[in-house]
Every structure is written in C-alpha cells, then in structure tokens.
Amino acid sequence: MIDKREIANDLVTLRDLIRWGTSQFNAAELNFVQGMPSAIDEAVYLCLSALHLPPDFSVEYFDCVLTMDERMRVLGLYQQRIEQRKPAAYITNEAWFAGLNFYVDERVLIPRSPIAELIQQQFAPWIMPQQVHNILDLCTGSGCIAVACAYAFEQAQVDASDVSADALAVAEINRQNHGLEQRLQLIESNLFTAIPEKRYDIIVSNPPYVTEQEMSQLPAEFDFEPGSLALAAGETGMDIVLPMLIQAADYLSDEGILVVEVGYSQPELEQLLPEVPFFWVDFEYGGDGVFVLTAEQLREYQEPFRQALVEIS
C-alpha cells in the first residue's frame, strides 16, 4: 500500500513525480501493451491527466513545484495503476486513436489497432477516396475506427455494429462527442445479421481473434477488458473472422475492400487458408496482422473459406 502523504512530502515537482512513477511502474512489472509504450510514457500521461494538463504540455514546466493536493491526486492515479493493475485508459476514461480523443471504460477494449495508420492514409492504395460513399465498421467497440473513418472520408456515411449493447452505449458517447449523429449509424448486430442490405466500399474490422490458450496467458491488466466478447475467438482465434470472410462479399461494392486485424493469429489464418492471397499490411509506426482482400478475391475463395470454417467447428 502506497503511503501517499509521506511520499508527497519528498516529491515536489512534476519531474519528481514522473521519475518516481516510472521507477514504481517498472518495479511492479506492469504491462503496457494496451496503450502507452513504456513506463515513463504512462507516468507522464497519468501525471498530466491528474493535473488537467494537455498531453503536449511543455517539459519547460516540469520543474514547477506542485501543491500538496496536486501531488496527492497524481499519487492516487499511480496507486490505482500499481495496486489494481488497472490500465491507464480506464483510470482516466480517455484514449487516443488516429489522433482523436475517445471516451472509454471497461465495457470496451482500449483502442490500439494499427488500422489507425491505414485510416489516416485513406486506405491507399487499395481504394480511391472519392469512390468511398459507404463504410461499415464491424465489431466497433468504442466506435474509434468508425469515428476516425468519418473524419477521413467526409463525404461518406458510416455504419458501426457490435453484438454488445454495452459497447454501443460507449460508441454513442463518442458519436456525440465528435458531433457525428447525422453521419454515423450504430447497429446492434452479430456480424452481418442486422446490417442493412446495401453495398459498402470499405468494410473494416478489429474483431475478437485471441485463442483459448492465449486468453489464459494474458497479463492481469487484460482482466479489466471485456475479454469474453471482445477478445476470445475459440481454439484457433478464427471463430469470428471466418464467418466474416464468408459473408462480407455480399455487402461489398464491386471495387470494395475488406480490412481486418487478426494480430498474432495471422499464422493460424494462413495455415487454414494457404491458397488465399492475403495482403498483409506493413505499418510505418508498428503493428502487424492486418490483411486486405478485395471484393473479387472474397468471391473467388468462398469455398476455401467454408471448408476452413467446417475444419475449426
């Protein structure tokens, strides 16, 4: 248990608190894959958040002396992170994706998909931006991918679906926060079951893809995420992805594309479907396991998709 009052007597500046927090996070062997890249990044973020300061607050002010109340607020956030192993985004109810700010809580995954980079590039070179009129985000969670797509394609209508009503409640908060009530439709749906009968130019998804074995090995921080709905995808991690591959062709325009993240389940997918020419995206800023398939390819390989689904069933 952290004795915040005693520690606060010795840590008087922003720099002091960041240094101490970084050391404590490393000593506690916290896991940082859910957002922040390192202990020092997370210490800086939590410190600035506690003081209601922007993430780009100048380091020139890091030697300013804080009041005792300010120090106690910072240490309170540090205490939650260390003792509960609660991810920083759930402590602050804030996450960033594609340069945009989102509300998050334990009803949704913390946004961290490399698909953000593709969205900011308008999915080049696979599609021409002016040809994009309808976008579907399957398994939307917080709505971060859908909202980012609405910013990237200002002329497009965006549909975002999720099987979880709780997740859609969070997505609604983000839809309102970004003023997208007129362009972003939220749909409660198990994959395509309730999706409108129309053709999308882009279908994009970060679905559950974690195998049963990997679920049992996840760090304690992942206990705060809705794992049974948003992470777990059966023995091979393909319980959601394969039905998506089978059905997506019926909802894509002739020149449309399907973009899906499968993360470290990429080898399982390639092993199940060795004949399918998945294009695996190389990301400049890190991340992997995201493939692109065209509508034409999805229609061509329907039989292998169906056989693979039977194989894992």
C-alpha atoms as a PDB file:
ATOM      1  CA  MET A   1       0.000   0.000   0.000  1.00  0.00           C
ATOM      2  CA  ILE A   2       1.361   3.400  -1.025  1.00  0.00           C
ATOM      3  CA  ASP A   3       1.591   5.961   1.803  1.00  0.00           C
ATOM      4  CA  LYS A   4       0.734   8.903  -0.407  1.00  0.00           C
ATOM      5  CA  ARG A   5       1.156  11.628   2.218  1.00  0.00           C
ATOM      6  CA  GLU A   6       4.662  10.566   3.214  1.00  0.00           C
ATOM      7  CA  ILE A   7       5.773  10.182  -0.407  1.00  0.00           C
ATOM      8  CA  ALA A   8       4.240  13.527  -1.401  1.00  0.00           C
ATOM      9  CA  ASN A   9       6.467  15.317   1.101  1.00  0.00           C
ATOM     10  CA  ASP A  10       9.531  14.288  -0.921  1.00  0.00           C
ATOM     11  CA  LEU A  11       8.167  14.611  -4.466  1.00  0.00           C
ATOM     12  CA  VAL A  12       7.524  18.274  -5.115  1.00  0.00           C
ATOM     13  CA  THR A  13       7.773  18.816  -8.894  1.00  0.00           C
ATOM     14  CA  LEU A  14       6.309  17.235 -11.998  1.00  0.00           C
ATOM     15  CA  ARG A  15       9.725  15.843 -12.788  1.00  0.00           C
ATOM     16  CA  ASP A  16       9.996  14.258  -9.333  1.00  0.00           C
ATOM     17  CA  LEU A  17       6.618  12.559  -9.692  1.00  0.00           C
ATOM     18  CA  ILE A  18       7.325  11.315 -13.224  1.00  0.00           C
ATOM     19  CA  ARG A  19      10.696   9.878 -12.200  1.00  0.00           C
ATOM     20  CA  TRP A  20       9.200   8.183  -9.130  1.00  0.00           C
ATOM     21  CA  GLY A  21       6.194   6.838 -11.043  1.00  0.00           C
ATOM     22  CA  THR A  22       8.385   5.398 -13.776  1.00  0.00           C
ATOM     23  CA  SER A  23      10.526   3.586 -11.203  1.00  0.00           C
ATOM     24  CA  GLN A  24       7.494   2.208  -9.383  1.00  0.00           C
ATOM     25  CA  PHE A  25       5.801   1.037 -12.581  1.00  0.00           C
ATOM     26  CA  ASN A  26       8.946  -0.803 -13.639  1.00  0.00           C
ATOM     27  CA  ALA A  27       9.371  -2.339 -10.176  1.00  0.00           C
ATOM     28  CA  ALA A  28       5.767  -3.561 -10.247  1.00  0.00           C
ATOM     29  CA  GLU A  29       6.367  -5.114 -13.707  1.00  0.00           C
ATOM     30  CA  LEU A  30       3.259  -3.520 -15.163  1.00  0.00           C
ATOM     31  CA  ASN A  31       2.174  -4.369 -18.686  1.00  0.00           C
ATOM     32  CA  PHE A  32       1.932  -1.558 -21.256  1.00  0.00           C
ATOM     33  CA  VAL A  33       0.567  -3.153 -24.434  1.00  0.00           C
ATOM     34  CA  GLN A  34      -2.900  -1.581 -24.020  1.00  0.00           C
ATOM     35  CA  GLY A  35      -1.895   1.932 -24.941  1.00  0.00           C
ATOM     36  CA  MET A  36       1.242   3.553 -23.593  1.00  0.00           C
ATOM     37  CA  PRO A  37       4.534   2.210 -24.981  1.00  0.00           C
ATOM     38  CA  SER A  38       6.549   2.387 -21.739  1.00  0.00           C
ATOM     39  CA  ALA A  39       6.547   3.108 -18.023  1.00  0.00           C
ATOM     40  CA  ILE A  40       7.783   6.671 -18.444  1.00  0.00           C
ATOM     41  CA  ASP A  41       5.142   7.472 -21.077  1.00  0.00           C
ATOM     42  CA  GLU A  42       2.433   6.215 -18.753  1.00  0.00           C
ATOM     43  CA  ALA A  43       3.837   8.109 -15.769  1.00  0.00           C
ATOM     44  CA  VAL A  44       3.865  11.333 -17.789  1.00  0.00           C
ATOM     45  CA  TYR A  45       0.339  10.712 -19.076  1.00  0.00           C
ATOM     46  CA  LEU A  46      -1.190   9.955 -15.666  1.00  0.00           C
ATOM     47  CA  CYS A  47       0.632  12.861 -14.065  1.00  0.00           C
ATOM     48  CA  LEU A  48      -0.605  15.363 -16.635  1.00  0.00           C
ATOM     49  CA  SER A  49      -4.113  13.903 -16.580  1.00  0.00           C
ATOM     50  CA  ALA A  50      -4.335  14.280 -12.793  1.00  0.00           C
ATOM     51  CA  LEU A  51      -3.361  17.946 -13.140  1.00  0.00           C
ATOM     52  CA  HIS A  52      -5.768  18.609 -16.050  1.00  0.00           C
ATOM     53  CA  LEU A  53      -2.877  19.469 -18.339  1.00  0.00           C
ATOM     54  CA  PRO A  54      -2.707  18.621 -22.070  1.00  0.00           C
ATOM     55  CA  PRO A  55      -0.614  15.661 -23.302  1.00  0.00           C
ATOM     56  CA  ASP A  56       1.735  18.043 -25.139  1.00  0.00           C
ATOM     57  CA  PHE A  57       2.411  20.149 -22.030  1.00  0.00           C
ATOM     58  CA  SER A  58       5.892  21.647 -22.370  1.00  0.00           C
ATOM     59  CA  VAL A  59       8.754  19.991 -20.487  1.00  0.00           C
ATOM     60  CA  GLU A  60       9.917  23.501 -19.631  1.00  0.00           C
ATOM     61  CA  TYR A  61       7.388  23.464 -16.809  1.00  0.00           C
ATOM     62  CA  PHE A  62       8.292  20.044 -15.394  1.00  0.00           C
ATOM     63  CA  ASP A  63      10.316  21.648 -12.588  1.00  0.00           C
ATOM     64  CA  CYS A  64       7.364  23.681 -11.300  1.00  0.00           C
ATOM     65  CA  VAL A  65       6.507  22.969  -7.669  1.00  0.00           C
ATOM     66  CA  LEU A  66       3.096  21.368  -7.176  1.00  0.00           C
ATOM     67  CA  THR A  67       0.699  21.946  -4.317  1.00  0.00           C
ATOM     68  CA  MET A  68       0.167  19.112  -1.848  1.00  0.00           C
ATOM     69  CA  ASP A  69      -3.334  18.493  -3.251  1.00  0.00           C
ATOM     70  CA  GLU A  70      -1.893  18.180  -6.766  1.00  0.00           C
ATOM     71  CA  ARG A  71       0.766  15.728  -5.639  1.00  0.00           C
ATOM     72  CA  MET A  72      -1.855  13.641  -3.842  1.00  0.00           C
ATOM     73  CA  ARG A  73      -4.027  13.491  -6.975  1.00  0.00           C
ATOM     74  CA  VAL A  74      -1.119  12.235  -9.066  1.00  0.00           C
ATOM     75  CA  LEU A  75      -0.170   9.647  -6.480  1.00  0.00           C
ATOM     76  CA  GLY A  76      -3.800   8.497  -6.295  1.00  0.00           C
ATOM     77  CA  LEU A  77      -3.748   7.628 -10.004  1.00  0.00           C
ATOM     78  CA  TYR A  78      -0.379   5.930  -9.621  1.00  0.00           C
ATOM     79  CA  GLN A  79      -1.790   3.893  -6.730  1.00  0.00           C
ATOM     80  CA  GLN A  80      -4.681   2.599  -8.847  1.00  0.00           C
ATOM     81  CA  ARG A  81      -2.304   1.654 -11.643  1.00  0.00           C
ATOM     82  CA  ILE A  82       0.117  -0.208  -9.384  1.00  0.00           C
ATOM     83  CA  GLU A  83      -2.141  -1.858  -6.805  1.00  0.00           C
ATOM     84  CA  GLN A  84      -5.077  -2.740  -9.059  1.00  0.00           C
ATOM     85  CA  ARG A  85      -3.044  -3.099 -12.283  1.00  0.00           C
ATOM     86  CA  LYS A  86      -5.855  -1.104 -13.869  1.00  0.00           C
ATOM     87  CA  PRO A  87      -4.912   0.176 -17.344  1.00  0.00           C
ATOM     88  CA  ALA A  88      -4.323   3.918 -17.548  1.00  0.00           C
ATOM     89  CA  ALA A  89      -7.095   4.465 -20.105  1.00  0.00           C
ATOM     90  CA  TYR A  90      -9.684   3.049 -17.707  1.00  0.00           C
ATOM     91  CA  ILE A  91      -8.368   5.208 -14.887  1.00  0.00           C
ATOM     92  CA  THR A  92      -8.758   8.401 -16.922  1.00  0.00           C
ATOM     93  CA  ASN A  93     -11.638   7.214 -19.167  1.00  0.00           C
ATOM     94  CA  GLU A  94      -9.656   8.514 -22.097  1.00  0.00           C
ATOM     95  CA  ALA A  95      -7.870   7.002 -25.084  1.00  0.00           C
ATOM     96  CA  TRP A  96      -6.385   8.271 -28.330  1.00  0.00           C
ATOM     97  CA  PHE A  97      -6.794   6.741 -31.776  1.00  0.00           C
ATOM     98  CA  ALA A  98      -5.805   8.190 -35.158  1.00  0.00           C
ATOM     99  CA  GLY A  99      -5.024  11.472 -33.409  1.00  0.00           C
ATOM    100  CA  LEU A 100      -8.543  11.677 -31.939  1.00  0.00           C
ATOM    101  CA  ASN A 101      -9.698  11.597 -28.324  1.00  0.00           C
ATOM    102  CA  PHE A 102     -12.190   8.930 -27.176  1.00  0.00           C
ATOM    103  CA  TYR A 103     -14.120   8.093 -24.031  1.00  0.00           C
ATOM    104  CA  VAL A 104     -13.508   4.509 -22.855  1.00  0.00           C
ATOM    105  CA  ASP A 105     -14.438   2.365 -19.892  1.00  0.00           C
ATOM    106  CA  GLU A 106     -14.461  -1.334 -19.031  1.00  0.00           C
ATOM    107  CA  ARG A 107     -17.337  -2.016 -21.451  1.00  0.00           C
ATOM    108  CA  VAL A 108     -14.960  -1.741 -24.434  1.00  0.00           C
ATOM    109  CA  LEU A 109     -11.407  -2.573 -25.432  1.00  0.00           C
ATOM    110  CA  ILE A 110      -8.828   0.183 -25.182  1.00  0.00           C
ATOM    111  CA  PRO A 111      -8.187   1.429 -28.751  1.00  0.00           C
ATOM    112  CA  ARG A 112      -4.766   0.344 -30.006  1.00  0.00           C
ATOM    113  CA  SER A 113      -5.215  -1.035 -33.515  1.00  0.00           C
ATOM    114  CA  PRO A 114      -2.619  -0.243 -36.209  1.00  0.00           C
ATOM    115  CA  ILE A 115      -5.600   0.204 -38.536  1.00  0.00           C
ATOM    116  CA  ALA A 116      -5.444   3.850 -37.396  1.00  0.00           C
ATOM    117  CA  GLU A 117      -2.495   4.354 -39.728  1.00  0.00           C
ATOM    118  CA  LEU A 118      -4.457   2.963 -42.684  1.00  0.00           C
ATOM    119  CA  ILE A 119      -7.412   5.217 -41.942  1.00  0.00           C
ATOM    120  CA  GLN A 120      -5.197   8.297 -41.840  1.00  0.00           C
ATOM    121  CA  GLN A 121      -3.856   7.247 -45.254  1.00  0.00           C
ATOM    122  CA  GLN A 122      -7.441   6.777 -46.519  1.00  0.00           C
ATOM    123  CA  PHE A 123      -6.672   3.101 -47.158  1.00  0.00           C
ATOM    124  CA  ALA A 124      -4.338   3.959 -50.027  1.00  0.00           C
ATOM    125  CA  PRO A 125      -3.515   2.425 -52.442  1.00  0.00           C
ATOM    126  CA  TRP A 126      -6.427  -0.033 -52.354  1.00  0.00           C
ATOM    127  CA  ILE A 127      -9.229   2.423 -52.951  1.00  0.00           C
ATOM    128  CA  MET A 128      -9.754   5.928 -54.311  1.00  0.00           C
ATOM    129  CA  PRO A 129     -11.092   8.269 -51.597  1.00  0.00           C
ATOM    130  CA  GLN A 130     -13.632   9.919 -53.913  1.00  0.00           C
ATOM    131  CA  GLN A 131     -15.169   6.493 -54.569  1.00  0.00           C
ATOM    132  CA  VAL A 132     -15.938   5.887 -50.902  1.00  0.00           C
ATOM    133  CA  HIS A 133     -19.576   6.576 -50.042  1.00  0.00           C
ATOM    134  CA  ASN A 134     -20.450   3.862 -47.510  1.00  0.00           C
ATOM    135  CA  ILE A 135     -18.235   2.340 -44.798  1.00  0.00           C
ATOM    136  CA  LEU A 136     -19.001  -0.444 -42.346  1.00  0.00           C
ATOM    137  CA  ASP A 137     -17.080  -0.981 -39.114  1.00  0.00           C
ATOM    138  CA  LEU A 138     -17.822  -4.450 -37.738  1.00  0.00           C
ATOM    139  CA  CYS A 139     -17.170  -5.134 -34.023  1.00  0.00           C
ATOM    140  CA  THR A 140     -16.874  -1.407 -33.413  1.00  0.00           C
ATOM    141  CA  GLY A 141     -16.443  -1.413 -29.624  1.00  0.00           C
ATOM    142  CA  SER A 142     -15.801   2.190 -28.593  1.00  0.00           C
ATOM    143  CA  GLY A 143     -16.524   3.359 -32.121  1.00  0.00           C
ATOM    144  CA  CYS A 144     -12.988   4.621 -32.612  1.00  0.00           C
ATOM    145  CA  ILE A 145     -12.489   3.091 -36.068  1.00  0.00           C
ATOM    146  CA  ALA A 146     -15.883   4.293 -37.271  1.00  0.00           C
ATOM    147  CA  VAL A 147     -15.359   7.831 -35.978  1.00  0.00           C
ATOM    148  CA  ALA A 148     -11.867   8.009 -37.483  1.00  0.00           C
ATOM    149  CA  CYS A 149     -13.256   6.809 -40.840  1.00  0.00           C
ATOM    150  CA  ALA A 150     -15.891   9.546 -40.721  1.00  0.00           C
ATOM    151  CA  TYR A 151     -13.128  12.126 -40.333  1.00  0.00           C
ATOM    152  CA  ALA A 152     -11.023  10.582 -43.107  1.00  0.00           C
ATOM    153  CA  PHE A 153     -13.923  10.349 -45.585  1.00  0.00           C
ATOM    154  CA  GLU A 154     -16.060  13.425 -45.014  1.00  0.00           C
ATOM    155  CA  GLN A 155     -18.429  12.523 -47.861  1.00  0.00           C
ATOM    156  CA  ALA A 156     -19.154   9.004 -46.580  1.00  0.00           C
ATOM    157  CA  GLN A 157     -21.889   7.540 -44.430  1.00  0.00           C
ATOM    158  CA  VAL A 158     -20.549   5.176 -41.771  1.00  0.00           C
ATOM    159  CA  ASP A 159     -22.329   2.243 -40.125  1.00  0.00           C
ATOM    160  CA  ALA A 160     -20.827   0.742 -36.974  1.00  0.00           C
ATOM    161  CA  SER A 161     -22.040  -2.512 -35.458  1.00  0.00           C
ATOM    162  CA  ASP A 162     -21.379  -4.567 -32.368  1.00  0.00           C
ATOM    163  CA  VAL A 163     -23.034  -7.541 -30.704  1.00  0.00           C
ATOM    164  CA  SER A 164     -22.674  -5.800 -27.315  1.00  0.00           C
ATOM    165  CA  ALA A 165     -25.264  -3.209 -26.300  1.00  0.00           C
ATOM    166  CA  ASP A 166     -22.837  -2.026 -23.622  1.00  0.00           C
ATOM    167  CA  ALA A 167     -20.165  -1.358 -26.227  1.00  0.00           C
ATOM    168  CA  LEU A 168     -22.646   0.546 -28.377  1.00  0.00           C
ATOM    169  CA  ALA A 169     -23.517   2.728 -25.378  1.00  0.00           C
ATOM    170  CA  VAL A 170     -19.865   3.784 -25.256  1.00  0.00           C
ATOM    171  CA  ALA A 171     -19.809   4.261 -29.031  1.00  0.00           C
ATOM    172  CA  GLU A 172     -22.827   6.546 -28.666  1.00  0.00           C
ATOM    173  CA  ILE A 173     -20.903   8.742 -26.232  1.00  0.00           C
ATOM    174  CA  ASN A 174     -18.105   9.049 -28.777  1.00  0.00           C
ATOM    175  CA  ARG A 175     -20.517   9.657 -31.643  1.00  0.00           C
ATOM    176  CA  GLN A 176     -21.990  12.586 -29.724  1.00  0.00           C
ATOM    177  CA  ASN A 177     -18.616  13.884 -28.559  1.00  0.00           C
ATOM    178  CA  HIS A 178     -17.492  14.105 -32.193  1.00  0.00           C
ATOM    179  CA  GLY A 179     -20.779  15.504 -33.495  1.00  0.00           C
ATOM    180  CA  LEU A 180     -21.405  12.637 -35.909  1.00  0.00           C
ATOM    181  CA  GLU A 181     -25.042  11.844 -35.140  1.00  0.00           C
ATOM    182  CA  GLN A 182     -26.049  12.517 -38.769  1.00  0.00           C
ATOM    183  CA  ARG A 183     -23.278  10.526 -40.485  1.00  0.00           C
ATOM    184  CA  LEU A 184     -22.628   7.603 -38.153  1.00  0.00           C
ATOM    185  CA  GLN A 185     -25.265   4.927 -37.554  1.00  0.00           C
ATOM    186  CA  LEU A 186     -24.872   2.469 -34.663  1.00  0.00           C
ATOM    187  CA  ILE A 187     -26.316  -1.025 -35.124  1.00  0.00           C
ATOM    188  CA  GLU A 188     -26.612  -3.884 -32.636  1.00  0.00           C
ATOM    189  CA  SER A 189     -25.721  -6.917 -34.725  1.00  0.00           C
ATOM    190  CA  ASN A 190     -23.944 -10.254 -34.555  1.00  0.00           C
ATOM    191  CA  LEU A 191     -21.691  -9.776 -37.571  1.00  0.00           C
ATOM    192  CA  PHE A 192     -23.998  -9.196 -40.574  1.00  0.00           C
ATOM    193  CA  THR A 193     -27.315 -10.397 -39.113  1.00  0.00           C
ATOM    194  CA  ALA A 194     -28.812  -6.892 -38.704  1.00  0.00           C
ATOM    195  CA  ILE A 195     -26.690  -4.993 -41.240  1.00  0.00           C
ATOM    196  CA  PRO A 196     -28.687  -3.078 -43.901  1.00  0.00           C
ATOM    197  CA  GLU A 197     -28.880  -4.656 -47.341  1.00  0.00           C
ATOM    198  CA  LYS A 198     -26.564  -2.272 -49.138  1.00  0.00           C
ATOM    199  CA  ARG A 199     -23.092  -2.294 -50.637  1.00  0.00           C
ATOM    200  CA  TYR A 200     -20.151  -0.840 -48.747  1.00  0.00           C
ATOM    201  CA  ASP A 201     -16.985   0.480 -50.329  1.00  0.00           C
ATOM    202  CA  ILE A 202     -14.964  -0.386 -47.226  1.00  0.00           C
ATOM    203  CA  ILE A 203     -15.680  -2.970 -44.538  1.00  0.00           C
ATOM    204  CA  VAL A 204     -13.169  -2.688 -41.726  1.00  0.00           C
ATOM    205  CA  SER A 205     -12.952  -4.690 -38.535  1.00  0.00           C
ATOM    206  CA  ASN A 206     -10.854  -5.314 -35.450  1.00  0.00           C
ATOM    207  CA  PRO A 207     -12.750  -8.416 -34.291  1.00  0.00           C
ATOM    208  CA  PRO A 208     -12.021 -10.888 -31.479  1.00  0.00           C
ATOM    209  CA  TYR A 209      -9.102 -13.091 -32.534  1.00  0.00           C
ATOM    210  CA  VAL A 210      -7.421 -14.346 -29.336  1.00  0.00           C
ATOM    211  CA  THR A 211      -7.129 -18.137 -28.988  1.00  0.00           C
ATOM    212  CA  GLU A 212      -8.223 -20.046 -25.903  1.00  0.00           C
ATOM    213  CA  GLN A 213      -4.616 -20.742 -24.950  1.00  0.00           C
ATOM    214  CA  GLU A 214      -3.587 -17.102 -25.341  1.00  0.00           C
ATOM    215  CA  MET A 215      -6.574 -15.923 -23.270  1.00  0.00           C
ATOM    216  CA  SER A 216      -5.303 -17.950 -20.318  1.00  0.00           C
ATOM    217  CA  GLN A 217      -1.869 -16.325 -20.580  1.00  0.00           C
ATOM    218  CA  LEU A 218      -2.848 -12.645 -20.803  1.00  0.00           C
ATOM    219  CA  PRO A 219      -1.403 -10.246 -18.186  1.00  0.00           C
ATOM    220  CA  ALA A 220      -3.580  -9.086 -15.274  1.00  0.00           C
ATOM    221  CA  GLU A 221      -4.335  -5.762 -16.984  1.00  0.00           C
ATOM    222  CA  PHE A 222      -6.484  -7.597 -19.527  1.00  0.00           C
ATOM    223  CA  ASP A 223      -8.885  -8.714 -16.776  1.00  0.00           C
ATOM    224  CA  PHE A 224     -10.400  -5.232 -16.963  1.00  0.00           C
ATOM    225  CA  GLU A 225     -11.292  -5.598 -20.642  1.00  0.00           C
ATOM    226  CA  PRO A 226     -14.470  -7.391 -21.829  1.00  0.00           C
ATOM    227  CA  GLY A 227     -12.457 -10.406 -22.917  1.00  0.00           C
ATOM    228  CA  SER A 228     -15.205 -12.966 -23.441  1.00  0.00           C
ATOM    229  CA  LEU A 229     -16.904 -10.730 -26.005  1.00  0.00           C
ATOM    230  CA  ALA A 230     -14.130  -8.559 -27.401  1.00  0.00           C
ATOM    231  CA  LEU A 231     -11.035 -10.787 -27.327  1.00  0.00           C
ATOM    232  CA  ALA A 232     -11.828 -14.515 -27.193  1.00  0.00           C
ATOM    233  CA  ALA A 233     -12.404 -16.290 -30.520  1.00  0.00           C
ATOM    234  CA  GLY A 234     -12.178 -20.010 -29.896  1.00  0.00           C
ATOM    235  CA  GLU A 235      -9.385 -22.550 -30.143  1.00  0.00           C
ATOM    236  CA  THR A 236      -7.834 -21.096 -33.313  1.00  0.00           C
ATOM    237  CA  GLY A 237      -8.860 -17.457 -32.863  1.00  0.00           C
ATOM    238  CA  MET A 238     -10.843 -17.673 -36.107  1.00  0.00           C
ATOM    239  CA  ASP A 239     -14.417 -18.126 -34.813  1.00  0.00           C
ATOM    240  CA  ILE A 240     -15.393 -14.599 -35.897  1.00  0.00           C
ATOM    241  CA  VAL A 241     -13.011 -13.976 -38.790  1.00  0.00           C
ATOM    242  CA  LEU A 242     -14.017 -16.961 -40.936  1.00  0.00           C
ATOM    243  CA  PRO A 243     -17.779 -16.214 -40.923  1.00  0.00           C
ATOM    244  CA  MET A 244     -16.845 -12.614 -41.747  1.00  0.00           C
ATOM    245  CA  LEU A 245     -14.846 -13.760 -44.776  1.00  0.00           C
ATOM    246  CA  ILE A 246     -17.784 -15.842 -45.987  1.00  0.00           C
ATOM    247  CA  GLN A 247     -20.403 -13.102 -45.616  1.00  0.00           C
ATOM    248  CA  ALA A 248     -18.505  -9.900 -46.444  1.00  0.00           C
ATOM    249  CA  ALA A 249     -18.649 -10.371 -50.213  1.00  0.00           C
ATOM    250  CA  ASP A 250     -22.439  -9.959 -50.159  1.00  0.00           C
ATOM    251  CA  TYR A 251     -22.063  -6.484 -48.620  1.00  0.00           C
ATOM    252  CA  LEU A 252     -19.190  -5.050 -50.661  1.00  0.00           C
ATOM    253  CA  SER A 253     -19.363  -2.953 -53.809  1.00  0.00           C
ATOM    254  CA  ASP A 254     -17.581  -4.365 -56.861  1.00  0.00           C
ATOM    255  CA  GLU A 255     -14.457  -2.289 -56.136  1.00  0.00           C
ATOM    256  CA  GLY A 256     -14.808  -2.602 -52.365  1.00  0.00           C
ATOM    257  CA  ILE A 257     -12.251  -3.893 -49.863  1.00  0.00           C
ATOM    258  CA  LEU A 258     -12.296  -5.800 -46.599  1.00  0.00           C
ATOM    259  CA  VAL A 259      -9.702  -4.778 -43.983  1.00  0.00           C
ATOM    260  CA  VAL A 260      -9.379  -6.980 -40.901  1.00  0.00           C
ATOM    261  CA  GLU A 261      -6.976  -7.189 -37.983  1.00  0.00           C
ATOM    262  CA  VAL A 262      -6.103 -10.671 -36.723  1.00  0.00           C
ATOM    263  CA  GLY A 263      -2.938  -9.722 -34.835  1.00  0.00           C
ATOM    264  CA  TYR A 264      -0.780 -12.584 -33.709  1.00  0.00           C
ATOM    265  CA  SER A 265      -3.380 -15.056 -35.033  1.00  0.00           C
ATOM    266  CA  GLN A 266      -2.028 -14.375 -38.524  1.00  0.00           C
ATOM    267  CA  PRO A 267      -0.176 -17.750 -38.691  1.00  0.00           C
ATOM    268  CA  GLU A 268      -3.364 -19.649 -37.799  1.00  0.00           C
ATOM    269  CA  LEU A 269      -5.276 -17.916 -40.587  1.00  0.00           C
ATOM    270  CA  GLU A 270      -2.515 -18.535 -43.131  1.00  0.00           C
ATOM    271  CA  GLN A 271      -2.335 -22.190 -42.113  1.00  0.00           C
ATOM    272  CA  LEU A 272      -6.083 -22.618 -42.525  1.00  0.00           C
ATOM    273  CA  LEU A 273      -6.150 -20.799 -45.883  1.00  0.00           C
ATOM    274  CA  PRO A 274      -2.758 -21.238 -47.597  1.00  0.00           C
ATOM    275  CA  GLU A 275      -4.221 -20.645 -51.055  1.00  0.00           C
ATOM    276  CA  VAL A 276      -5.735 -17.231 -50.244  1.00  0.00           C
ATOM    277  CA  PRO A 277      -3.584 -14.235 -51.304  1.00  0.00           C
ATOM    278  CA  PHE A 278      -3.978 -12.142 -48.175  1.00  0.00           C
ATOM    279  CA  PHE A 279      -2.175  -8.804 -48.445  1.00  0.00           C
ATOM    280  CA  TRP A 280      -0.532  -8.225 -45.063  1.00  0.00           C
ATOM    281  CA  VAL A 281      -0.005  -4.533 -44.390  1.00  0.00           C
ATOM    282  CA  ASP A 282       3.421  -3.186 -43.424  1.00  0.00           C
ATOM    283  CA  PHE A 283       2.997  -0.363 -40.913  1.00  0.00           C
ATOM    284  CA  GLU A 284       5.414   2.515 -40.560  1.00  0.00           C
ATOM    285  CA  TYR A 285       4.575   3.084 -36.897  1.00  0.00           C
ATOM    286  CA  GLY A 286       4.414  -0.505 -35.697  1.00  0.00           C
ATOM    287  CA  GLY A 287       1.850  -3.283 -35.606  1.00  0.00           C
ATOM    288  CA  ASP A 288       1.061  -6.226 -37.846  1.00  0.00           C
ATOM    289  CA  GLY A 289      -1.543  -8.889 -38.524  1.00  0.00           C
ATOM    290  CA  VAL A 290      -3.845  -6.714 -40.678  1.00  0.00           C
ATOM    291  CA  PHE A 291      -4.914  -8.033 -44.074  1.00  0.00           C
ATOM    292  CA  VAL A 292      -6.686  -6.552 -47.073  1.00  0.00           C
ATOM    293  CA  LEU A 293      -8.823  -8.528 -49.520  1.00  0.00           C
ATOM    294  CA  THR A 294     -10.814  -7.179 -52.460  1.00  0.00           C
ATOM    295  CA  ALA A 295     -14.444  -7.998 -53.135  1.00  0.00           C
ATOM    296  CA  GLU A 296     -13.327 -10.020 -56.142  1.00  0.00           C
ATOM    297  CA  GLN A 297     -10.952 -12.109 -54.027  1.00  0.00           C
ATOM    298  CA  LEU A 298     -13.609 -12.733 -51.381  1.00  0.00           C
ATOM    299  CA  ARG A 299     -15.960 -14.087 -54.026  1.00  0.00           C
ATOM    300  CA  GLU A 300     -13.257 -16.215 -55.632  1.00  0.00           C
ATOM    301  CA  TYR A 301     -12.292 -18.020 -52.417  1.00  0.00           C
ATOM    302  CA  GLN A 302     -15.713 -18.724 -50.921  1.00  0.00           C
ATOM    303  CA  GLU A 303     -15.226 -22.486 -50.997  1.00  0.00           C
ATOM    304  CA  PRO A 304     -11.905 -22.469 -49.057  1.00  0.00           C
ATOM    305  CA  PHE A 305     -13.487 -20.109 -46.505  1.00  0.00           C
ATOM    306  CA  ARG A 306     -16.379 -22.501 -45.960  1.00  0.00           C
ATOM    307  CA  GLN A 307     -14.108 -25.525 -45.729  1.00  0.00           C
ATOM    308  CA  ALA A 308     -11.926 -23.763 -43.141  1.00  0.00           C
ATOM    309  CA  LEU A 309     -14.978 -22.929 -41.038  1.00  0.00           C
ATOM    310  CA  VAL A 310     -16.043 -26.582 -41.095  1.00  0.00           C
ATOM    311  CA  GLU A 311     -12.498 -27.589 -40.112  1.00  0.00           C
ATOM    312  CA  ILE A 312     -12.490 -25.488 -36.931  1.00  0.00           C
ATOM    313  CA  SER A 313     -16.098 -26.277 -35.979  1.00  0.00           C
END
